[in-house]
Amino acid sequence: MAGVVSPTGDIGPVEVWWNSVKIGETKGDTIFRCRTTSRPVMEDALGVAPVDYVQMGMEECSVIAPLTRMSIAQLADIIPGATTSGTGSTATLRVNSNVGLDTAASAKQLILKRIYNNAVATDETDWLSLPLAYPVDIDMEVQYSVGENQRVFPVTFQAFPATVLTTAGVYWGIGDLSAD
């Protein structure tokens, strides 16, 4: 059908917002991944082909954001175990191993806001939201070189089922998730 645009947009970049704050610029593909899983139901009398499948729920729901040009405060917000002190030129970032952190309890809303016509979408119907997400995998491999590779920090945000009454059990959605 000509002229129909998918709710996520057909092509183009997004801004990544976590806990109501834009967490930095992106460079490269921001990837939303959702995968459910099912199990076959078998009956001996009907051979080896499944007679049905039973949905087993969400297997994976995550966003990989290739963040770049981040401040110390922005890095501290997304790196588990990170703390900051000082401001401006005296700001420091310290990262400790964060063993035993309950990530679901620390999760916040993650929103991907489409950019089109040179503007960030302000209409929630253009947003892909994960009501509860937490940066579980930080893959920092910082290259210091004179080459053309810009420093990018891929961060994987894992979604968890929402616990708020109006969105209970929701992993992700498009539009205003607080509406009935």
N, C-alpha and C. Protein backbone atom coordinates (compact mmCIF):
# COMPACT_ATOMS: atom_id res chain seq x y z
N MET A 1 0.85 -1.16 0.00
CA MET A 1 0.00 0.00 0.00
C MET A 1 0.90 1.24 0.00
N ALA A 2 0.82 2.04 -1.03
CA ALA A 2 1.66 3.23 -1.16
C ALA A 2 1.29 4.28 -0.13
N GLY A 3 2.30 4.98 0.36
CA GLY A 3 2.05 6.08 1.27
C GLY A 3 1.91 5.71 2.74
N VAL A 4 1.93 4.45 3.05
CA VAL A 4 1.79 4.04 4.45
C VAL A 4 3.18 3.94 5.08
N VAL A 5 3.34 4.60 6.22
CA VAL A 5 4.61 4.56 6.94
C VAL A 5 4.41 3.71 8.19
N SER A 6 5.34 2.81 8.44
CA SER A 6 5.27 1.95 9.62
C SER A 6 5.28 2.81 10.88
N PRO A 7 4.68 2.33 11.98
CA PRO A 7 4.68 3.12 13.22
C PRO A 7 6.08 3.43 13.75
N THR A 8 7.06 2.64 13.39
CA THR A 8 8.43 2.92 13.82
C THR A 8 9.18 3.77 12.81
N GLY A 9 8.52 4.14 11.72
CA GLY A 9 9.18 4.87 10.64
C GLY A 9 9.87 3.88 9.74
N ASP A 10 10.00 4.23 8.50
CA ASP A 10 10.60 3.31 7.55
C ASP A 10 12.13 3.35 7.57
N ILE A 11 12.68 4.49 7.90
CA ILE A 11 14.13 4.65 7.87
C ILE A 11 14.47 5.90 8.69
N GLY A 12 15.66 5.96 9.20
CA GLY A 12 16.10 7.17 9.87
C GLY A 12 16.55 6.94 11.30
N PRO A 13 17.21 7.97 11.87
CA PRO A 13 17.79 7.86 13.20
C PRO A 13 16.77 8.13 14.31
N VAL A 14 17.22 7.94 15.53
CA VAL A 14 16.40 8.22 16.72
C VAL A 14 17.26 8.92 17.77
N GLU A 15 16.57 9.59 18.69
CA GLU A 15 17.21 10.03 19.92
C GLU A 15 16.87 9.00 20.98
N VAL A 16 17.82 8.74 21.88
CA VAL A 16 17.63 7.76 22.94
C VAL A 16 17.46 8.51 24.26
N TRP A 17 16.32 8.29 24.92
CA TRP A 17 16.01 8.93 26.20
C TRP A 17 15.85 7.86 27.25
N TRP A 18 16.50 8.05 28.38
CA TRP A 18 16.39 7.11 29.50
C TRP A 18 16.13 7.92 30.77
N ASN A 19 15.12 7.52 31.51
CA ASN A 19 14.74 8.22 32.74
C ASN A 19 14.45 9.70 32.45
N SER A 20 13.73 9.95 31.34
CA SER A 20 13.29 11.29 30.91
C SER A 20 14.42 12.22 30.50
N VAL A 21 15.61 11.69 30.21
CA VAL A 21 16.75 12.51 29.81
C VAL A 21 17.38 11.93 28.54
N LYS A 22 17.69 12.80 27.58
CA LYS A 22 18.44 12.35 26.41
C LYS A 22 19.82 11.94 26.89
N ILE A 23 20.22 10.70 26.61
CA ILE A 23 21.44 10.18 27.23
C ILE A 23 22.70 10.41 26.41
N GLY A 24 22.59 11.02 25.26
CA GLY A 24 23.76 11.29 24.46
C GLY A 24 23.44 11.19 22.99
N GLU A 25 24.41 11.50 22.17
CA GLU A 25 24.26 11.38 20.72
C GLU A 25 24.53 9.94 20.31
N THR A 26 24.01 9.55 19.18
CA THR A 26 24.27 8.22 18.65
C THR A 26 25.05 8.34 17.34
N LYS A 27 25.82 7.30 17.06
CA LYS A 27 26.50 7.19 15.77
C LYS A 27 26.43 5.74 15.34
N GLY A 28 25.70 5.51 14.27
CA GLY A 28 25.50 4.14 13.81
C GLY A 28 24.08 3.70 14.07
N ASP A 29 23.85 2.42 13.97
CA ASP A 29 22.51 1.87 14.08
C ASP A 29 22.10 1.66 15.53
N THR A 30 20.99 2.29 15.92
CA THR A 30 20.34 1.97 17.19
C THR A 30 19.41 0.81 16.88
N ILE A 31 19.55 -0.28 17.61
CA ILE A 31 18.83 -1.51 17.26
C ILE A 31 17.85 -1.87 18.37
N PHE A 32 16.57 -2.00 18.00
CA PHE A 32 15.56 -2.54 18.90
C PHE A 32 15.38 -4.00 18.54
N ARG A 33 15.44 -4.86 19.54
CA ARG A 33 15.33 -6.30 19.30
C ARG A 33 14.24 -6.87 20.20
N CYS A 34 13.30 -7.58 19.59
CA CYS A 34 12.24 -8.25 20.34
C CYS A 34 12.07 -9.65 19.78
N ARG A 35 12.14 -10.63 20.66
CA ARG A 35 12.02 -12.01 20.20
C ARG A 35 11.20 -12.79 21.22
N THR A 36 10.13 -13.41 20.71
CA THR A 36 9.34 -14.30 21.56
C THR A 36 9.76 -15.73 21.27
N THR A 37 9.31 -16.63 22.09
CA THR A 37 9.65 -18.03 21.87
C THR A 37 8.40 -18.89 22.06
N SER A 38 8.42 -20.02 21.42
CA SER A 38 7.31 -20.97 21.55
C SER A 38 7.88 -22.39 21.57
N ARG A 39 7.07 -23.31 21.99
CA ARG A 39 7.47 -24.72 22.05
C ARG A 39 6.45 -25.57 21.29
N PRO A 40 6.95 -26.56 20.56
CA PRO A 40 6.02 -27.40 19.79
C PRO A 40 5.24 -28.35 20.69
N VAL A 41 4.02 -28.64 20.25
CA VAL A 41 3.19 -29.66 20.88
C VAL A 41 3.16 -30.84 19.92
N MET A 42 3.51 -31.99 20.43
CA MET A 42 3.63 -33.17 19.58
C MET A 42 2.62 -34.25 19.99
N GLU A 43 2.22 -35.05 19.03
CA GLU A 43 1.38 -36.22 19.30
C GLU A 43 1.96 -37.39 18.52
N ASP A 44 2.29 -38.46 19.23
CA ASP A 44 2.91 -39.62 18.60
C ASP A 44 2.12 -40.13 17.40
N ALA A 45 0.80 -40.18 17.54
CA ALA A 45 -0.03 -40.75 16.49
C ALA A 45 0.00 -39.93 15.20
N LEU A 46 0.47 -38.68 15.29
CA LEU A 46 0.49 -37.83 14.10
C LEU A 46 1.89 -37.60 13.55
N GLY A 47 2.85 -38.36 14.02
CA GLY A 47 4.19 -38.29 13.48
C GLY A 47 5.07 -37.27 14.18
N VAL A 48 6.09 -36.81 13.46
CA VAL A 48 7.10 -35.95 14.07
C VAL A 48 6.86 -34.47 13.84
N ALA A 49 5.84 -34.12 13.08
CA ALA A 49 5.53 -32.70 12.86
C ALA A 49 4.68 -32.18 14.01
N PRO A 50 4.94 -30.96 14.45
CA PRO A 50 4.12 -30.38 15.53
C PRO A 50 2.66 -30.26 15.12
N VAL A 51 1.77 -30.48 16.07
CA VAL A 51 0.34 -30.29 15.84
C VAL A 51 -0.10 -28.91 16.33
N ASP A 52 0.75 -28.26 17.09
CA ASP A 52 0.45 -26.93 17.61
C ASP A 52 1.74 -26.35 18.19
N TYR A 53 1.70 -25.10 18.52
CA TYR A 53 2.79 -24.44 19.23
C TYR A 53 2.20 -23.68 20.41
N VAL A 54 2.90 -23.67 21.52
CA VAL A 54 2.48 -22.92 22.70
C VAL A 54 3.46 -21.77 22.89
N GLN A 55 2.92 -20.56 22.96
CA GLN A 55 3.75 -19.38 23.20
C GLN A 55 4.30 -19.43 24.62
N MET A 56 5.60 -19.21 24.75
CA MET A 56 6.27 -19.25 26.05
C MET A 56 6.66 -17.86 26.54
N GLY A 57 6.31 -16.84 25.77
CA GLY A 57 6.57 -15.48 26.22
C GLY A 57 7.77 -14.84 25.57
N MET A 58 8.20 -13.75 26.20
CA MET A 58 9.30 -12.95 25.68
C MET A 58 10.63 -13.64 25.97
N GLU A 59 11.42 -13.82 24.93
CA GLU A 59 12.76 -14.38 25.10
C GLU A 59 13.79 -13.27 25.24
N GLU A 60 13.62 -12.22 24.44
CA GLU A 60 14.53 -11.09 24.51
C GLU A 60 13.80 -9.83 24.11
N CYS A 61 14.08 -8.75 24.81
CA CYS A 61 13.57 -7.43 24.45
C CYS A 61 14.64 -6.44 24.88
N SER A 62 15.31 -5.82 23.91
CA SER A 62 16.44 -4.96 24.24
C SER A 62 16.65 -3.90 23.18
N VAL A 63 17.45 -2.90 23.54
CA VAL A 63 17.87 -1.86 22.62
C VAL A 63 19.39 -1.75 22.73
N ILE A 64 20.06 -1.72 21.59
CA ILE A 64 21.49 -1.47 21.57
C ILE A 64 21.68 -0.06 21.01
N ALA A 65 22.23 0.82 21.84
CA ALA A 65 22.42 2.22 21.45
C ALA A 65 23.91 2.51 21.30
N PRO A 66 24.35 2.92 20.10
CA PRO A 66 25.76 3.27 19.89
C PRO A 66 25.99 4.73 20.28
N LEU A 67 26.29 4.96 21.54
CA LEU A 67 26.40 6.32 22.06
C LEU A 67 27.77 6.91 21.79
N THR A 68 27.81 8.23 21.61
CA THR A 68 29.06 8.92 21.33
C THR A 68 29.00 10.34 21.90
N ARG A 69 30.17 10.95 22.05
CA ARG A 69 30.29 12.34 22.49
C ARG A 69 29.54 12.58 23.80
N MET A 70 29.80 11.74 24.78
CA MET A 70 29.09 11.81 26.06
C MET A 70 29.92 12.54 27.11
N SER A 71 29.21 13.23 27.99
CA SER A 71 29.87 13.89 29.12
C SER A 71 30.14 12.87 30.21
N ILE A 72 30.94 13.26 31.18
CA ILE A 72 31.20 12.38 32.33
C ILE A 72 29.90 12.04 33.05
N ALA A 73 29.03 13.03 33.23
CA ALA A 73 27.75 12.77 33.90
C ALA A 73 26.89 11.79 33.11
N GLN A 74 26.86 11.91 31.78
CA GLN A 74 26.09 10.98 30.96
C GLN A 74 26.66 9.57 31.03
N LEU A 75 27.99 9.45 31.00
CA LEU A 75 28.61 8.14 31.14
C LEU A 75 28.26 7.51 32.49
N ALA A 76 28.31 8.30 33.55
CA ALA A 76 28.00 7.78 34.89
C ALA A 76 26.56 7.28 34.98
N ASP A 77 25.64 7.92 34.24
CA ASP A 77 24.24 7.51 34.28
C ASP A 77 24.02 6.12 33.68
N ILE A 78 24.85 5.75 32.71
CA ILE A 78 24.59 4.49 32.01
C ILE A 78 25.56 3.36 32.36
N ILE A 79 26.61 3.65 33.10
CA ILE A 79 27.58 2.60 33.45
C ILE A 79 27.29 2.13 34.88
N PRO A 80 26.84 0.90 35.04
CA PRO A 80 26.60 0.40 36.40
C PRO A 80 27.88 0.47 37.23
N GLY A 81 27.77 0.99 38.43
CA GLY A 81 28.92 1.10 39.32
C GLY A 81 29.70 2.38 39.17
N ALA A 82 29.26 3.29 38.29
CA ALA A 82 30.00 4.52 38.05
C ALA A 82 29.55 5.62 39.01
N THR A 83 30.51 6.43 39.44
CA THR A 83 30.23 7.61 40.26
C THR A 83 31.04 8.78 39.72
N THR A 84 30.57 9.97 40.01
CA THR A 84 31.29 11.17 39.58
C THR A 84 31.55 12.07 40.77
N SER A 85 32.52 12.94 40.59
CA SER A 85 32.76 14.00 41.56
C SER A 85 33.32 15.18 40.80
N GLY A 86 33.17 16.35 41.37
CA GLY A 86 33.65 17.56 40.72
C GLY A 86 32.77 17.95 39.55
N THR A 87 33.09 19.10 38.94
CA THR A 87 32.36 19.58 37.78
C THR A 87 33.34 20.18 36.78
N GLY A 88 32.87 20.33 35.56
CA GLY A 88 33.68 20.95 34.52
C GLY A 88 35.01 20.26 34.32
N SER A 89 36.09 21.05 34.31
CA SER A 89 37.43 20.49 34.04
C SER A 89 37.96 19.65 35.21
N THR A 90 37.32 19.72 36.38
CA THR A 90 37.77 18.91 37.52
C THR A 90 36.89 17.68 37.73
N ALA A 91 35.95 17.44 36.81
CA ALA A 91 35.06 16.28 36.94
C ALA A 91 35.85 14.98 36.79
N THR A 92 35.49 14.00 37.61
CA THR A 92 36.11 12.67 37.51
C THR A 92 35.04 11.61 37.44
N LEU A 93 35.37 10.53 36.81
CA LEU A 93 34.50 9.36 36.70
C LEU A 93 35.24 8.18 37.29
N ARG A 94 34.61 7.48 38.20
CA ARG A 94 35.19 6.27 38.79
C ARG A 94 34.21 5.13 38.56
N VAL A 95 34.73 4.00 38.11
CA VAL A 95 33.86 2.85 37.83
C VAL A 95 34.33 1.67 38.66
N ASN A 96 33.42 1.15 39.46
CA ASN A 96 33.68 -0.05 40.27
C ASN A 96 32.88 -1.21 39.69
N SER A 97 33.30 -2.39 39.98
CA SER A 97 32.54 -3.57 39.60
C SER A 97 31.26 -3.58 40.43
N ASN A 98 30.15 -3.76 39.77
CA ASN A 98 28.86 -3.66 40.44
C ASN A 98 28.23 -5.04 40.58
N VAL A 99 28.81 -5.86 41.40
CA VAL A 99 28.35 -7.23 41.59
C VAL A 99 27.08 -7.26 42.44
N GLY A 100 26.09 -7.98 41.97
CA GLY A 100 24.88 -8.19 42.76
C GLY A 100 23.81 -7.14 42.59
N LEU A 101 23.95 -6.22 41.63
CA LEU A 101 22.95 -5.19 41.41
C LEU A 101 21.67 -5.80 40.86
N ASP A 102 20.54 -5.47 41.46
CA ASP A 102 19.23 -5.90 40.98
C ASP A 102 18.83 -4.94 39.87
N THR A 103 19.09 -5.30 38.63
CA THR A 103 18.88 -4.37 37.52
C THR A 103 17.41 -4.06 37.27
N ALA A 104 16.52 -5.04 37.45
CA ALA A 104 15.10 -4.77 37.23
C ALA A 104 14.60 -3.71 38.21
N ALA A 105 15.07 -3.75 39.44
CA ALA A 105 14.64 -2.76 40.44
C ALA A 105 15.21 -1.38 40.13
N SER A 106 16.28 -1.31 39.36
CA SER A 106 16.91 -0.04 39.01
C SER A 106 16.48 0.47 37.64
N ALA A 107 15.62 -0.27 36.96
CA ALA A 107 15.23 0.06 35.59
C ALA A 107 14.38 1.33 35.53
N LYS A 108 14.50 2.04 34.40
CA LYS A 108 13.76 3.27 34.12
C LYS A 108 13.21 3.18 32.70
N GLN A 109 12.32 4.10 32.34
CA GLN A 109 11.74 4.10 31.00
C GLN A 109 12.80 4.50 29.97
N LEU A 110 12.82 3.75 28.86
CA LEU A 110 13.69 4.05 27.72
C LEU A 110 12.79 4.38 26.54
N ILE A 111 13.07 5.50 25.88
CA ILE A 111 12.25 5.92 24.74
C ILE A 111 13.15 6.17 23.54
N LEU A 112 12.75 5.64 22.39
CA LEU A 112 13.40 5.94 21.12
C LEU A 112 12.48 6.91 20.39
N LYS A 113 12.97 8.14 20.21
CA LYS A 113 12.19 9.19 19.55
C LYS A 113 12.70 9.37 18.13
N ARG A 114 11.83 9.09 17.18
CA ARG A 114 12.20 9.20 15.77
C ARG A 114 12.58 10.62 15.41
N ILE A 115 13.54 10.74 14.50
CA ILE A 115 13.91 12.02 13.93
C ILE A 115 13.49 12.00 12.47
N TYR A 116 12.65 12.95 12.10
CA TYR A 116 12.27 13.08 10.69
C TYR A 116 11.97 14.54 10.39
N ASN A 117 12.12 14.93 9.13
CA ASN A 117 12.00 16.34 8.72
C ASN A 117 12.89 17.23 9.58
N ASN A 118 14.07 16.73 9.94
CA ASN A 118 15.06 17.46 10.74
C ASN A 118 14.59 17.82 12.14
N ALA A 119 13.64 17.07 12.67
CA ALA A 119 13.16 17.36 14.02
C ALA A 119 12.89 16.06 14.77
N VAL A 120 13.02 16.12 16.09
CA VAL A 120 12.72 14.97 16.94
C VAL A 120 11.21 14.91 17.15
N ALA A 121 10.65 13.73 17.01
CA ALA A 121 9.20 13.55 17.18
C ALA A 121 8.77 13.96 18.59
N THR A 122 7.76 14.79 18.69
CA THR A 122 7.22 15.18 20.00
C THR A 122 5.92 14.46 20.29
N ASP A 123 5.37 13.78 19.29
CA ASP A 123 4.12 13.04 19.44
C ASP A 123 4.44 11.62 19.91
N GLU A 124 3.88 11.22 21.04
CA GLU A 124 4.18 9.89 21.60
C GLU A 124 3.81 8.75 20.66
N THR A 125 2.93 8.99 19.71
CA THR A 125 2.57 7.93 18.77
C THR A 125 3.73 7.57 17.85
N ASP A 126 4.76 8.44 17.82
CA ASP A 126 5.96 8.18 17.02
C ASP A 126 7.11 7.62 17.86
N TRP A 127 6.86 7.32 19.12
CA TRP A 127 7.90 6.85 20.02
C TRP A 127 7.78 5.36 20.23
N LEU A 128 8.90 4.69 20.32
CA LEU A 128 8.95 3.30 20.76
C LEU A 128 9.46 3.33 22.20
N SER A 129 8.68 2.80 23.12
CA SER A 129 9.00 2.89 24.55
C SER A 129 9.17 1.53 25.19
N LEU A 130 10.13 1.44 26.08
CA LEU A 130 10.29 0.29 26.96
C LEU A 130 10.04 0.85 28.37
N PRO A 131 8.91 0.53 29.00
CA PRO A 131 8.59 1.13 30.30
C PRO A 131 9.67 0.92 31.35
N LEU A 132 10.32 -0.23 31.33
CA LEU A 132 11.41 -0.50 32.28
C LEU A 132 12.59 -1.10 31.53
N ALA A 133 13.72 -0.41 31.57
CA ALA A 133 14.93 -0.90 30.90
C ALA A 133 16.14 -0.47 31.72
N TYR A 134 17.20 -1.27 31.62
CA TYR A 134 18.42 -0.96 32.35
C TYR A 134 19.63 -1.33 31.48
N PRO A 135 20.70 -0.52 31.52
CA PRO A 135 21.88 -0.85 30.72
C PRO A 135 22.63 -2.03 31.34
N VAL A 136 22.46 -3.19 30.74
CA VAL A 136 23.05 -4.40 31.30
C VAL A 136 24.41 -4.73 30.72
N ASP A 137 24.65 -4.34 29.49
CA ASP A 137 25.93 -4.65 28.85
C ASP A 137 26.53 -3.38 28.29
N ILE A 138 27.66 -3.00 28.84
CA ILE A 138 28.42 -1.86 28.33
C ILE A 138 29.63 -2.46 27.64
N ASP A 139 29.80 -2.14 26.36
CA ASP A 139 30.88 -2.72 25.57
C ASP A 139 31.83 -1.61 25.16
N MET A 140 32.66 -1.18 26.11
CA MET A 140 33.56 -0.06 25.83
C MET A 140 34.90 -0.58 25.35
N GLU A 141 35.17 -0.33 24.11
CA GLU A 141 36.48 -0.61 23.52
C GLU A 141 36.89 0.69 22.84
N VAL A 142 37.59 1.52 23.58
CA VAL A 142 37.89 2.87 23.12
C VAL A 142 39.17 2.86 22.31
N GLN A 143 39.08 3.32 21.07
CA GLN A 143 40.24 3.37 20.19
C GLN A 143 40.82 4.78 20.19
N TYR A 144 42.09 4.87 20.47
CA TYR A 144 42.80 6.14 20.38
C TYR A 144 43.70 6.04 19.17
N SER A 145 43.33 6.73 18.10
CA SER A 145 44.11 6.63 16.87
C SER A 145 43.91 7.90 16.05
N VAL A 146 44.68 8.01 14.99
CA VAL A 146 44.52 9.13 14.06
C VAL A 146 43.65 8.71 12.88
N GLY A 147 43.09 7.52 12.95
CA GLY A 147 42.22 7.03 11.88
C GLY A 147 40.88 7.75 11.87
N GLU A 148 39.97 7.25 11.07
CA GLU A 148 38.67 7.87 10.91
C GLU A 148 37.61 7.30 11.85
N ASN A 149 37.99 6.39 12.74
CA ASN A 149 37.01 5.77 13.63
C ASN A 149 36.67 6.69 14.79
N GLN A 150 35.42 7.10 14.84
CA GLN A 150 34.94 7.90 15.97
C GLN A 150 34.67 6.98 17.14
N ARG A 151 34.93 7.45 18.36
CA ARG A 151 34.69 6.64 19.55
C ARG A 151 33.20 6.48 19.79
N VAL A 152 32.78 5.22 19.90
CA VAL A 152 31.38 4.87 20.11
C VAL A 152 31.31 3.88 21.26
N PHE A 153 30.30 4.04 22.12
CA PHE A 153 30.12 3.17 23.27
C PHE A 153 28.80 2.43 23.13
N PRO A 154 28.81 1.22 22.55
CA PRO A 154 27.56 0.47 22.42
C PRO A 154 27.05 0.05 23.80
N VAL A 155 25.81 0.41 24.09
CA VAL A 155 25.18 0.08 25.37
C VAL A 155 23.92 -0.72 25.09
N THR A 156 23.78 -1.87 25.75
CA THR A 156 22.59 -2.69 25.61
C THR A 156 21.67 -2.44 26.80
N PHE A 157 20.48 -1.97 26.50
CA PHE A 157 19.44 -1.79 27.52
C PHE A 157 18.51 -2.99 27.45
N GLN A 158 18.36 -3.69 28.56
CA GLN A 158 17.48 -4.85 28.65
C GLN A 158 16.13 -4.40 29.19
N ALA A 159 15.05 -4.82 28.54
CA ALA A 159 13.70 -4.49 29.01
C ALA A 159 13.23 -5.51 30.04
N PHE A 160 12.42 -5.03 30.96
CA PHE A 160 11.79 -5.86 31.98
C PHE A 160 10.30 -5.59 31.93
N PRO A 161 9.46 -6.55 32.34
CA PRO A 161 8.02 -6.30 32.31
C PRO A 161 7.65 -5.19 33.29
N ALA A 162 6.83 -4.26 32.80
CA ALA A 162 6.41 -3.13 33.64
C ALA A 162 5.59 -3.64 34.83
N THR A 163 5.66 -2.90 35.91
CA THR A 163 4.94 -3.28 37.13
C THR A 163 3.83 -2.29 37.49
N VAL A 164 3.75 -1.17 36.77
CA VAL A 164 2.71 -0.18 37.03
C VAL A 164 1.38 -0.72 36.53
N LEU A 165 0.32 -0.45 37.26
CA LEU A 165 -0.99 -1.03 36.98
C LEU A 165 -1.42 -0.88 35.53
N THR A 166 -1.30 0.33 34.95
CA THR A 166 -1.80 0.53 33.59
C THR A 166 -0.94 -0.14 32.53
N THR A 167 0.30 -0.44 32.86
CA THR A 167 1.18 -1.09 31.88
C THR A 167 1.75 -2.41 32.40
N ALA A 168 1.13 -2.98 33.42
CA ALA A 168 1.67 -4.20 34.03
C ALA A 168 1.90 -5.29 32.98
N GLY A 169 3.10 -5.84 32.99
CA GLY A 169 3.46 -6.93 32.08
C GLY A 169 3.96 -6.47 30.72
N VAL A 170 3.88 -5.18 30.42
CA VAL A 170 4.29 -4.67 29.11
C VAL A 170 5.81 -4.55 29.05
N TYR A 171 6.38 -5.11 28.00
CA TYR A 171 7.82 -4.98 27.76
C TYR A 171 8.12 -3.76 26.89
N TRP A 172 7.28 -3.52 25.86
CA TRP A 172 7.50 -2.41 24.97
C TRP A 172 6.20 -2.06 24.28
N GLY A 173 6.19 -0.87 23.68
CA GLY A 173 5.02 -0.44 22.94
C GLY A 173 5.31 0.80 22.13
N ILE A 174 4.35 1.16 21.29
CA ILE A 174 4.42 2.37 20.49
C ILE A 174 3.24 3.25 20.88
N GLY A 175 3.49 4.51 21.15
CA GLY A 175 2.43 5.42 21.55
C GLY A 175 2.44 5.64 23.05
N ASP A 176 1.36 6.24 23.56
CA ASP A 176 1.23 6.57 24.97
C ASP A 176 0.88 5.31 25.75
N LEU A 177 1.86 4.73 26.43
CA LEU A 177 1.64 3.47 27.13
C LEU A 177 0.84 3.64 28.43
N SER A 178 0.67 4.87 28.88
CA SER A 178 -0.11 5.07 30.11
C SER A 178 -1.60 5.16 29.81
N ALA A 179 -1.95 5.29 28.52
CA ALA A 179 -3.37 5.36 28.15
C ALA A 179 -3.99 3.97 28.21
N ASP A 180 -5.29 3.94 28.44
CA ASP A 180 -5.99 2.64 28.52
C ASP A 180 -6.23 2.06 27.15
